[in-house]
């Protein structure tokens, strides 16, 4: 019986350092896990920052491209308006200089608005140009041109 008690006491003393060793290992493992998680979070933050910066750069590039396209379209529109005005001036001066074609001055008060529009349209003027020349609304000019077409006067 004493032998068994002594053996039990020896076993308990041997386990006590193992239990202390297990506690130390658990603390070290917990610290290692904490450090690993901390490193992972930092790495994810860096990756997110890089992705965010790439997204910002991409958006800026698209915005710049969009602005360039808008600017180009505005320039084309301005150029088109300038070209239309130039064509109107050229045709107007050609009408005044060419005696074979009736001059705009010859489109006197006796002629109705329909006759003026008809004559200018037959000479190749666009509805927009005609509206500017006779100082009328483009919708009115287009309406008169459509009516004259239906009457087959054009």
N, C-alpha and C. Protein backbone atom coordinates (compact mmCIF):
# COMPACT_ATOMS: atom_id res chain seq x y z
N UNK A 1 0.81 -1.15 0.00
CA UNK A 1 0.00 0.00 0.00
C UNK A 1 0.88 1.25 0.00
N UNK A 2 1.89 1.24 0.79
CA UNK A 2 2.80 2.37 0.82
C UNK A 2 3.50 2.54 -0.51
N UNK A 3 3.76 1.46 -1.08
CA UNK A 3 4.43 1.51 -2.38
C UNK A 3 3.54 2.18 -3.41
N UNK A 4 2.27 1.90 -3.37
CA UNK A 4 1.32 2.50 -4.30
C UNK A 4 1.20 3.99 -4.00
N UNK A 5 1.17 4.38 -2.74
CA UNK A 5 1.07 5.80 -2.37
C UNK A 5 2.30 6.55 -2.82
N UNK A 6 3.44 5.97 -2.63
CA UNK A 6 4.69 6.62 -3.05
C UNK A 6 4.71 6.75 -4.57
N UNK A 7 4.28 5.73 -5.25
CA UNK A 7 4.22 5.77 -6.71
C UNK A 7 3.25 6.87 -7.18
N UNK A 8 2.12 7.02 -6.52
CA UNK A 8 1.14 8.05 -6.86
C UNK A 8 1.72 9.43 -6.62
N UNK A 9 2.46 9.61 -5.52
CA UNK A 9 3.09 10.90 -5.22
C UNK A 9 4.14 11.23 -6.27
N UNK A 10 4.93 10.27 -6.69
CA UNK A 10 5.96 10.48 -7.71
C UNK A 10 5.30 10.88 -9.03
N UNK A 11 4.22 10.21 -9.38
CA UNK A 11 3.52 10.53 -10.64
C UNK A 11 2.95 11.95 -10.58
N UNK A 12 2.38 12.35 -9.44
CA UNK A 12 1.83 13.70 -9.30
C UNK A 12 2.93 14.75 -9.44
N UNK A 13 4.08 14.51 -8.85
CA UNK A 13 5.18 15.47 -8.98
C UNK A 13 5.68 15.56 -10.42
N UNK A 14 5.66 14.46 -11.13
CA UNK A 14 6.09 14.48 -12.53
C UNK A 14 5.08 15.22 -13.41
N UNK A 15 3.82 15.13 -13.09
CA UNK A 15 2.78 15.80 -13.89
C UNK A 15 2.78 17.32 -13.66
N UNK A 16 3.12 17.74 -12.48
CA UNK A 16 3.07 19.15 -12.17
C UNK A 16 3.96 19.96 -13.12
N UNK A 17 5.20 19.59 -13.40
CA UNK A 17 6.00 20.35 -14.38
C UNK A 17 5.39 20.27 -15.78
N UNK A 18 4.74 19.13 -16.12
CA UNK A 18 4.10 19.02 -17.43
C UNK A 18 2.94 20.00 -17.54
N UNK A 19 2.18 20.16 -16.46
CA UNK A 19 1.06 21.09 -16.48
C UNK A 19 1.57 22.52 -16.64
N UNK A 20 2.68 22.85 -15.94
CA UNK A 20 3.26 24.18 -16.09
C UNK A 20 3.77 24.38 -17.51
N UNK A 21 4.35 23.32 -18.05
CA UNK A 21 4.85 23.39 -19.42
C UNK A 21 3.69 23.58 -20.39
N UNK A 22 2.56 22.92 -20.18
CA UNK A 22 1.39 23.06 -21.04
C UNK A 22 0.83 24.49 -20.98
N UNK A 23 0.81 25.07 -19.78
CA UNK A 23 0.34 26.45 -19.64
C UNK A 23 1.24 27.40 -20.42
N UNK A 24 2.55 27.18 -20.32
CA UNK A 24 3.50 28.03 -21.04
C UNK A 24 3.31 27.87 -22.54
N UNK A 25 3.12 26.65 -23.00
CA UNK A 25 2.89 26.40 -24.43
C UNK A 25 1.59 27.06 -24.89
N UNK A 26 0.55 26.99 -24.07
CA UNK A 26 -0.72 27.61 -24.44
C UNK A 26 -0.58 29.13 -24.56
N UNK A 27 0.15 29.74 -23.63
CA UNK A 27 0.37 31.18 -23.70
C UNK A 27 1.17 31.55 -24.95
N UNK A 28 2.19 30.76 -25.24
CA UNK A 28 2.99 31.02 -26.44
C UNK A 28 2.14 30.84 -27.70
N UNK A 29 1.31 29.80 -27.72
CA UNK A 29 0.43 29.57 -28.86
C UNK A 29 -0.56 30.73 -29.03
N UNK A 30 -1.11 31.20 -27.93
CA UNK A 30 -2.05 32.32 -28.00
C UNK A 30 -1.36 33.57 -28.54
N UNK A 31 -0.14 33.82 -28.07
CA UNK A 31 0.61 34.98 -28.56
C UNK A 31 0.94 34.83 -30.05
N UNK A 32 1.30 33.63 -30.45
CA UNK A 32 1.61 33.37 -31.86
C UNK A 32 0.36 33.60 -32.72
N UNK A 33 -0.77 33.10 -32.25
CA UNK A 33 -2.03 33.29 -32.99
C UNK A 33 -2.37 34.77 -33.08
N UNK A 34 -2.22 35.48 -31.97
CA UNK A 34 -2.50 36.92 -31.95
C UNK A 34 -1.59 37.66 -32.94
N UNK A 35 -0.32 37.32 -32.95
CA UNK A 35 0.62 37.96 -33.87
C UNK A 35 0.28 37.63 -35.33
N UNK A 36 -0.11 36.39 -35.57
CA UNK A 36 -0.47 35.98 -36.93
C UNK A 36 -1.71 36.75 -37.41
N UNK A 37 -2.69 36.86 -36.55
CA UNK A 37 -3.91 37.60 -36.91
C UNK A 37 -3.58 39.07 -37.15
N UNK A 38 -2.75 39.63 -36.31
CA UNK A 38 -2.36 41.04 -36.46
C UNK A 38 -1.62 41.26 -37.78
N UNK A 39 -0.72 40.35 -38.13
CA UNK A 39 0.01 40.45 -39.40
C UNK A 39 -0.96 40.32 -40.58
N UNK A 40 -1.91 39.40 -40.46
CA UNK A 40 -2.90 39.21 -41.53
C UNK A 40 -3.75 40.47 -41.73
N UNK A 41 -4.18 41.07 -40.65
CA UNK A 41 -5.00 42.29 -40.73
C UNK A 41 -4.19 43.42 -41.38
N UNK A 42 -2.94 43.58 -40.99
CA UNK A 42 -2.09 44.62 -41.59
C UNK A 42 -1.91 44.39 -43.09
N UNK A 43 -1.69 43.13 -43.46
CA UNK A 43 -1.52 42.80 -44.88
C UNK A 43 -2.80 43.10 -45.66
N UNK A 44 -3.94 42.77 -45.10
CA UNK A 44 -5.23 43.04 -45.75
C UNK A 44 -5.45 44.55 -45.89
N UNK A 45 -5.06 45.31 -44.87
CA UNK A 45 -5.21 46.77 -44.94
C UNK A 45 -4.34 47.34 -46.06
N UNK A 46 -3.11 46.84 -46.18
CA UNK A 46 -2.23 47.30 -47.26
C UNK A 46 -2.81 46.95 -48.63
N UNK A 47 -3.29 45.72 -48.77
CA UNK A 47 -3.88 45.30 -50.04
C UNK A 47 -5.12 46.13 -50.37
N UNK A 48 -5.94 46.39 -49.38
CA UNK A 48 -7.13 47.23 -49.60
C UNK A 48 -6.73 48.64 -50.01
N UNK A 49 -5.70 49.18 -49.40
CA UNK A 49 -5.23 50.52 -49.76
C UNK A 49 -4.74 50.55 -51.20
N UNK A 50 -4.00 49.51 -51.60
CA UNK A 50 -3.52 49.43 -52.98
C UNK A 50 -4.70 49.33 -53.95
N UNK A 51 -5.66 48.47 -53.65
CA UNK A 51 -6.84 48.33 -54.50
C UNK A 51 -7.65 49.62 -54.56
N UNK A 52 -7.77 50.29 -53.43
CA UNK A 52 -8.49 51.57 -53.40
C UNK A 52 -7.79 52.59 -54.30
N UNK A 53 -6.48 52.66 -54.21
CA UNK A 53 -5.72 53.61 -55.03
C UNK A 53 -5.87 53.28 -56.52
N UNK A 54 -5.84 51.98 -56.85
CA UNK A 54 -6.05 51.58 -58.25
C UNK A 54 -7.43 52.00 -58.73
N UNK A 55 -8.43 51.83 -57.89
CA UNK A 55 -9.79 52.22 -58.24
C UNK A 55 -9.89 53.72 -58.45
N UNK A 56 -9.27 54.49 -57.58
CA UNK A 56 -9.28 55.96 -57.72
C UNK A 56 -8.59 56.36 -59.02
N UNK A 57 -7.45 55.74 -59.32
CA UNK A 57 -6.73 56.05 -60.56
C UNK A 57 -7.58 55.69 -61.78
N UNK A 58 -8.25 54.54 -61.73
CA UNK A 58 -9.10 54.11 -62.84
C UNK A 58 -10.24 55.10 -63.06
N UNK A 59 -10.86 55.52 -61.97
CA UNK A 59 -11.97 56.47 -62.08
C UNK A 59 -11.47 57.80 -62.64
N UNK A 60 -10.31 58.26 -62.19
CA UNK A 60 -9.75 59.52 -62.71
C UNK A 60 -9.45 59.40 -64.20
N UNK A 61 -8.91 58.27 -64.61
CA UNK A 61 -8.60 58.07 -66.03
C UNK A 61 -9.88 58.09 -66.86
N UNK A 62 -10.91 57.41 -66.40
CA UNK A 62 -12.19 57.41 -67.12
C UNK A 62 -12.80 58.81 -67.16
N UNK A 63 -12.69 59.53 -66.06
CA UNK A 63 -13.22 60.89 -66.00
C UNK A 63 -12.47 61.80 -66.98
N UNK A 64 -11.15 61.66 -67.03
CA UNK A 64 -10.36 62.46 -67.98
C UNK A 64 -10.74 62.14 -69.41
N UNK A 65 -10.89 60.85 -69.70
CA UNK A 65 -11.28 60.43 -71.05
C UNK A 65 -12.66 60.98 -71.40
N UNK A 66 -13.57 60.91 -70.46
CA UNK A 66 -14.92 61.44 -70.67
C UNK A 66 -14.86 62.95 -70.94
N UNK A 67 -14.07 63.67 -70.15
CA UNK A 67 -13.94 65.12 -70.34
C UNK A 67 -13.34 65.45 -71.70
N UNK A 68 -12.36 64.65 -72.14
CA UNK A 68 -11.76 64.87 -73.46
C UNK A 68 -12.80 64.68 -74.56
N UNK A 69 -13.61 63.64 -74.44
CA UNK A 69 -14.65 63.37 -75.44
C UNK A 69 -15.67 64.51 -75.46
N UNK A 70 -16.07 64.97 -74.29
CA UNK A 70 -17.03 66.08 -74.21
C UNK A 70 -16.43 67.33 -74.86
N UNK A 71 -15.17 67.60 -74.55
CA UNK A 71 -14.52 68.78 -75.12
C UNK A 71 -14.43 68.66 -76.64
N UNK A 72 -14.07 67.47 -77.13
CA UNK A 72 -13.96 67.26 -78.57
C UNK A 72 -15.33 67.46 -79.24
N UNK A 73 -16.38 66.94 -78.63
CA UNK A 73 -17.72 67.10 -79.19
C UNK A 73 -18.16 68.56 -79.18
N UNK A 74 -17.81 69.28 -78.11
CA UNK A 74 -18.14 70.70 -78.06
C UNK A 74 -17.40 71.47 -79.16
N UNK A 75 -16.13 71.11 -79.39
CA UNK A 75 -15.37 71.76 -80.45
C UNK A 75 -15.98 71.47 -81.81
N UNK A 76 -16.39 70.21 -82.03
CA UNK A 76 -17.02 69.86 -83.30
C UNK A 76 -18.32 70.63 -83.49
N UNK A 77 -19.08 70.76 -82.42
CA UNK A 77 -20.34 71.50 -82.48
C UNK A 77 -20.08 72.97 -82.81
N UNK A 78 -19.08 73.56 -82.15
CA UNK A 78 -18.73 74.95 -82.45
C UNK A 78 -18.27 75.10 -83.89
N UNK A 79 -17.45 74.14 -84.35
CA UNK A 79 -16.96 74.17 -85.73
C UNK A 79 -18.13 74.05 -86.70
N UNK A 80 -19.07 73.16 -86.40
CA UNK A 80 -20.23 72.96 -87.27
C UNK A 80 -21.07 74.24 -87.34
N UNK A 81 -21.29 74.89 -86.20
CA UNK A 81 -22.05 76.15 -86.20
C UNK A 81 -21.32 77.20 -87.02
N UNK A 82 -20.01 77.28 -86.88
CA UNK A 82 -19.22 78.25 -87.63
C UNK A 82 -19.30 77.94 -89.12
N UNK A 83 -19.22 76.66 -89.48
CA UNK A 83 -19.31 76.27 -90.89
C UNK A 83 -20.69 76.62 -91.45
N UNK A 84 -21.74 76.39 -90.68
CA UNK A 84 -23.09 76.73 -91.14
C UNK A 84 -23.21 78.23 -91.38
N UNK A 85 -22.68 79.03 -90.47
CA UNK A 85 -22.72 80.48 -90.65
C UNK A 85 -21.92 80.90 -91.88
N UNK A 86 -20.78 80.26 -92.10
CA UNK A 86 -19.95 80.58 -93.26
C UNK A 86 -20.68 80.23 -94.55
N UNK A 87 -21.33 79.07 -94.59
CA UNK A 87 -22.09 78.66 -95.78
C UNK A 87 -23.21 79.65 -96.05
N UNK A 88 -23.89 80.08 -95.01
CA UNK A 88 -24.97 81.06 -95.19
C UNK A 88 -24.41 82.35 -95.77
N UNK A 89 -23.30 82.82 -95.23
CA UNK A 89 -22.70 84.05 -95.75
C UNK A 89 -22.25 83.89 -97.19
N UNK A 90 -21.63 82.74 -97.51
CA UNK A 90 -21.16 82.50 -98.88
C UNK A 90 -22.34 82.47 -99.85
N UNK A 91 -23.38 81.76 -99.50
CA UNK A 91 -24.54 81.67 -100.40
C UNK A 91 -25.22 83.02 -100.52
N UNK A 92 -25.27 83.75 -99.43
CA UNK A 92 -25.88 85.07 -99.47
C UNK A 92 -25.09 86.01 -100.37
N UNK A 93 -23.77 86.00 -100.24
CA UNK A 93 -22.95 86.87 -101.10
C UNK A 93 -22.99 86.39 -102.55
N UNK A 94 -23.06 85.08 -102.76
CA UNK A 94 -23.15 84.55 -104.12
C UNK A 94 -24.47 84.98 -104.76
N UNK A 95 -25.52 84.98 -103.98
CA UNK A 95 -26.82 85.42 -104.51
C UNK A 95 -26.79 86.90 -104.90
N UNK A 96 -26.13 87.69 -104.10
CA UNK A 96 -26.08 89.12 -104.38
C UNK A 96 -25.20 89.42 -105.58
N UNK A 97 -24.17 88.62 -105.81
CA UNK A 97 -23.23 88.89 -106.89
C UNK A 97 -23.65 88.27 -108.22
N UNK A 98 -24.36 87.18 -108.17
CA UNK A 98 -24.71 86.46 -109.40
C UNK A 98 -26.02 87.02 -109.96
N UNK A 99 -25.96 87.61 -111.13
CA UNK A 99 -27.15 88.24 -111.71
C UNK A 99 -28.12 87.21 -112.27
N UNK A 100 -27.64 86.00 -112.58
CA UNK A 100 -28.52 84.97 -113.12
C UNK A 100 -29.48 84.46 -112.05
N UNK A 101 -29.03 84.45 -110.81
CA UNK A 101 -29.89 84.00 -109.73
C UNK A 101 -30.55 85.22 -109.10
N UNK A 102 -31.78 85.10 -108.72
CA UNK A 102 -32.42 86.26 -108.09
C UNK A 102 -31.75 86.57 -106.76
N UNK A 103 -31.46 87.80 -106.55
CA UNK A 103 -30.81 88.22 -105.31
C UNK A 103 -31.81 88.25 -104.19
N UNK A 104 -31.29 88.17 -102.98
CA UNK A 104 -32.16 88.24 -101.82
C UNK A 104 -32.89 89.58 -101.81
N UNK A 105 -32.22 90.61 -102.31
CA UNK A 105 -32.85 91.93 -102.38
C UNK A 105 -34.06 91.92 -103.31
N UNK A 106 -34.03 91.07 -104.31
CA UNK A 106 -35.15 90.98 -105.24
C UNK A 106 -36.35 90.29 -104.62
N UNK A 107 -36.11 89.59 -103.53
CA UNK A 107 -37.23 88.96 -102.84
C UNK A 107 -37.92 90.07 -102.06
N UNK A 108 -38.67 90.85 -102.76
CA UNK A 108 -39.23 92.06 -102.18
C UNK A 108 -40.47 91.78 -101.36
N UNK A 109 -41.07 92.85 -100.94
CA UNK A 109 -42.21 92.78 -100.06
C UNK A 109 -43.39 92.12 -100.74
N UNK A 110 -43.46 92.21 -102.06
CA UNK A 110 -44.59 91.64 -102.79
C UNK A 110 -44.66 90.13 -102.62
N UNK A 111 -43.49 89.50 -102.48
CA UNK A 111 -43.46 88.04 -102.36
C UNK A 111 -43.91 87.64 -100.96
N UNK A 112 -44.65 86.59 -100.91
CA UNK A 112 -45.06 86.09 -99.61
C UNK A 112 -43.92 85.30 -98.98
N UNK A 113 -44.07 85.04 -97.72
CA UNK A 113 -43.06 84.27 -97.00
C UNK A 113 -42.89 82.90 -97.63
N UNK A 114 -43.97 82.30 -98.08
CA UNK A 114 -43.91 80.98 -98.72
C UNK A 114 -43.07 81.03 -99.99
N UNK A 115 -43.25 82.06 -100.78
CA UNK A 115 -42.49 82.20 -102.03
C UNK A 115 -41.01 82.38 -101.74
N UNK A 116 -40.69 83.18 -100.73
CA UNK A 116 -39.29 83.38 -100.36
C UNK A 116 -38.66 82.06 -99.93
N UNK A 117 -39.37 81.35 -99.07
CA UNK A 117 -38.85 80.07 -98.58
C UNK A 117 -38.70 79.09 -99.73
N UNK A 118 -39.69 79.02 -100.61
CA UNK A 118 -39.65 78.12 -101.76
C UNK A 118 -38.45 78.43 -102.64
N UNK A 119 -38.26 79.70 -102.93
CA UNK A 119 -37.16 80.10 -103.81
C UNK A 119 -35.81 79.79 -103.17
N UNK A 120 -35.64 80.12 -101.90
CA UNK A 120 -34.37 79.84 -101.23
C UNK A 120 -34.12 78.34 -101.12
N UNK A 121 -35.16 77.56 -100.86
CA UNK A 121 -35.01 76.12 -100.74
C UNK A 121 -34.59 75.51 -102.08
N UNK A 122 -35.17 76.00 -103.17
CA UNK A 122 -34.81 75.51 -104.51
C UNK A 122 -33.37 75.86 -104.85
N UNK A 123 -32.85 76.92 -104.26
CA UNK A 123 -31.47 77.33 -104.51
C UNK A 123 -30.47 76.54 -103.66
N UNK A 124 -30.97 75.67 -102.79
CA UNK A 124 -30.07 74.79 -102.05
C UNK A 124 -29.86 75.17 -100.59
N UNK A 125 -30.56 76.14 -100.10
CA UNK A 125 -30.43 76.51 -98.70
C UNK A 125 -31.12 75.48 -97.82
N UNK A 126 -30.55 75.26 -96.63
CA UNK A 126 -31.18 74.35 -95.67
C UNK A 126 -32.25 75.13 -94.91
N UNK A 127 -33.20 74.41 -94.29
CA UNK A 127 -34.23 75.11 -93.51
C UNK A 127 -33.64 76.02 -92.43
N UNK A 128 -32.57 75.57 -91.81
CA UNK A 128 -31.92 76.38 -90.77
C UNK A 128 -31.37 77.67 -91.36
N UNK A 129 -30.74 77.56 -92.51
CA UNK A 129 -30.17 78.73 -93.17
C UNK A 129 -31.27 79.69 -93.62
N UNK A 130 -32.34 79.14 -94.15
CA UNK A 130 -33.46 79.97 -94.60
C UNK A 130 -34.05 80.73 -93.42
N UNK A 131 -34.21 80.03 -92.30
CA UNK A 131 -34.78 80.66 -91.11
C UNK A 131 -33.92 81.84 -90.66
N UNK A 132 -32.61 81.69 -90.74
CA UNK A 132 -31.73 82.79 -90.36
C UNK A 132 -31.83 83.94 -91.35
N UNK A 133 -31.91 83.62 -92.64
CA UNK A 133 -31.95 84.67 -93.65
C UNK A 133 -33.23 85.50 -93.59
N UNK A 134 -34.34 84.84 -93.40
CA UNK A 134 -35.61 85.59 -93.40
C UNK A 134 -36.04 85.94 -91.98
N UNK A 135 -35.19 85.61 -91.03
CA UNK A 135 -35.41 85.92 -89.62
C UNK A 135 -36.75 85.37 -89.14
N UNK A 136 -36.86 84.06 -89.28
CA UNK A 136 -38.08 83.37 -88.88
C UNK A 136 -37.69 82.13 -88.09
N UNK A 137 -38.66 81.51 -87.46
CA UNK A 137 -38.40 80.28 -86.71
C UNK A 137 -38.15 79.13 -87.66
N UNK A 138 -37.23 78.24 -87.27
CA UNK A 138 -36.90 77.09 -88.12
C UNK A 138 -38.10 76.16 -88.25
N UNK A 139 -38.88 76.03 -87.19
CA UNK A 139 -40.07 75.18 -87.25
C UNK A 139 -41.07 75.67 -88.28
N UNK A 140 -41.23 76.99 -88.34
CA UNK A 140 -42.14 77.57 -89.31
C UNK A 140 -41.64 77.32 -90.73
N UNK A 141 -40.33 77.48 -90.93
CA UNK A 141 -39.74 77.25 -92.26
C UNK A 141 -39.92 75.79 -92.66
N UNK A 142 -39.64 74.87 -91.74
CA UNK A 142 -39.78 73.45 -92.06
C UNK A 142 -41.24 73.11 -92.38
N UNK A 143 -42.16 73.71 -91.65
CA UNK A 143 -43.58 73.47 -91.90
C UNK A 143 -43.97 73.95 -93.30
N UNK A 144 -43.52 75.12 -93.68
CA UNK A 144 -43.85 75.66 -95.00
C UNK A 144 -43.23 74.79 -96.09
N UNK A 145 -41.98 74.35 -95.88
CA UNK A 145 -41.32 73.48 -96.87
C UNK A 145 -42.10 72.18 -97.02
N UNK A 146 -42.52 71.59 -95.91
CA UNK A 146 -43.30 70.34 -95.97
C UNK A 146 -44.64 70.56 -96.68
N UNK A 147 -45.28 71.69 -96.42
CA UNK A 147 -46.55 71.98 -97.10
C UNK A 147 -46.33 72.15 -98.59
N UNK A 148 -45.25 72.83 -98.97
CA UNK A 148 -44.97 73.03 -100.40
C UNK A 148 -44.64 71.70 -101.08
N UNK A 149 -43.98 70.82 -100.38
CA UNK A 149 -43.68 69.50 -100.94
C UNK A 149 -44.97 68.73 -101.21
N UNK A 150 -45.89 68.82 -100.27
CA UNK A 150 -47.16 68.11 -100.44
C UNK A 150 -47.95 68.69 -101.61
N UNK A 151 -47.83 69.98 -101.82
CA UNK A 151 -48.49 70.61 -102.96
C UNK A 151 -47.71 70.37 -104.24
N UNK A 152 -46.52 69.81 -104.08
CA UNK A 152 -45.59 69.51 -105.18
C UNK A 152 -45.13 70.77 -105.89
N UNK A 153 -44.91 71.79 -105.10
CA UNK A 153 -44.36 73.02 -105.65
C UNK A 153 -42.84 73.03 -105.56
N UNK A 154 -42.29 72.09 -104.81
CA UNK A 154 -40.82 72.02 -104.70
C UNK A 154 -40.28 70.85 -105.49
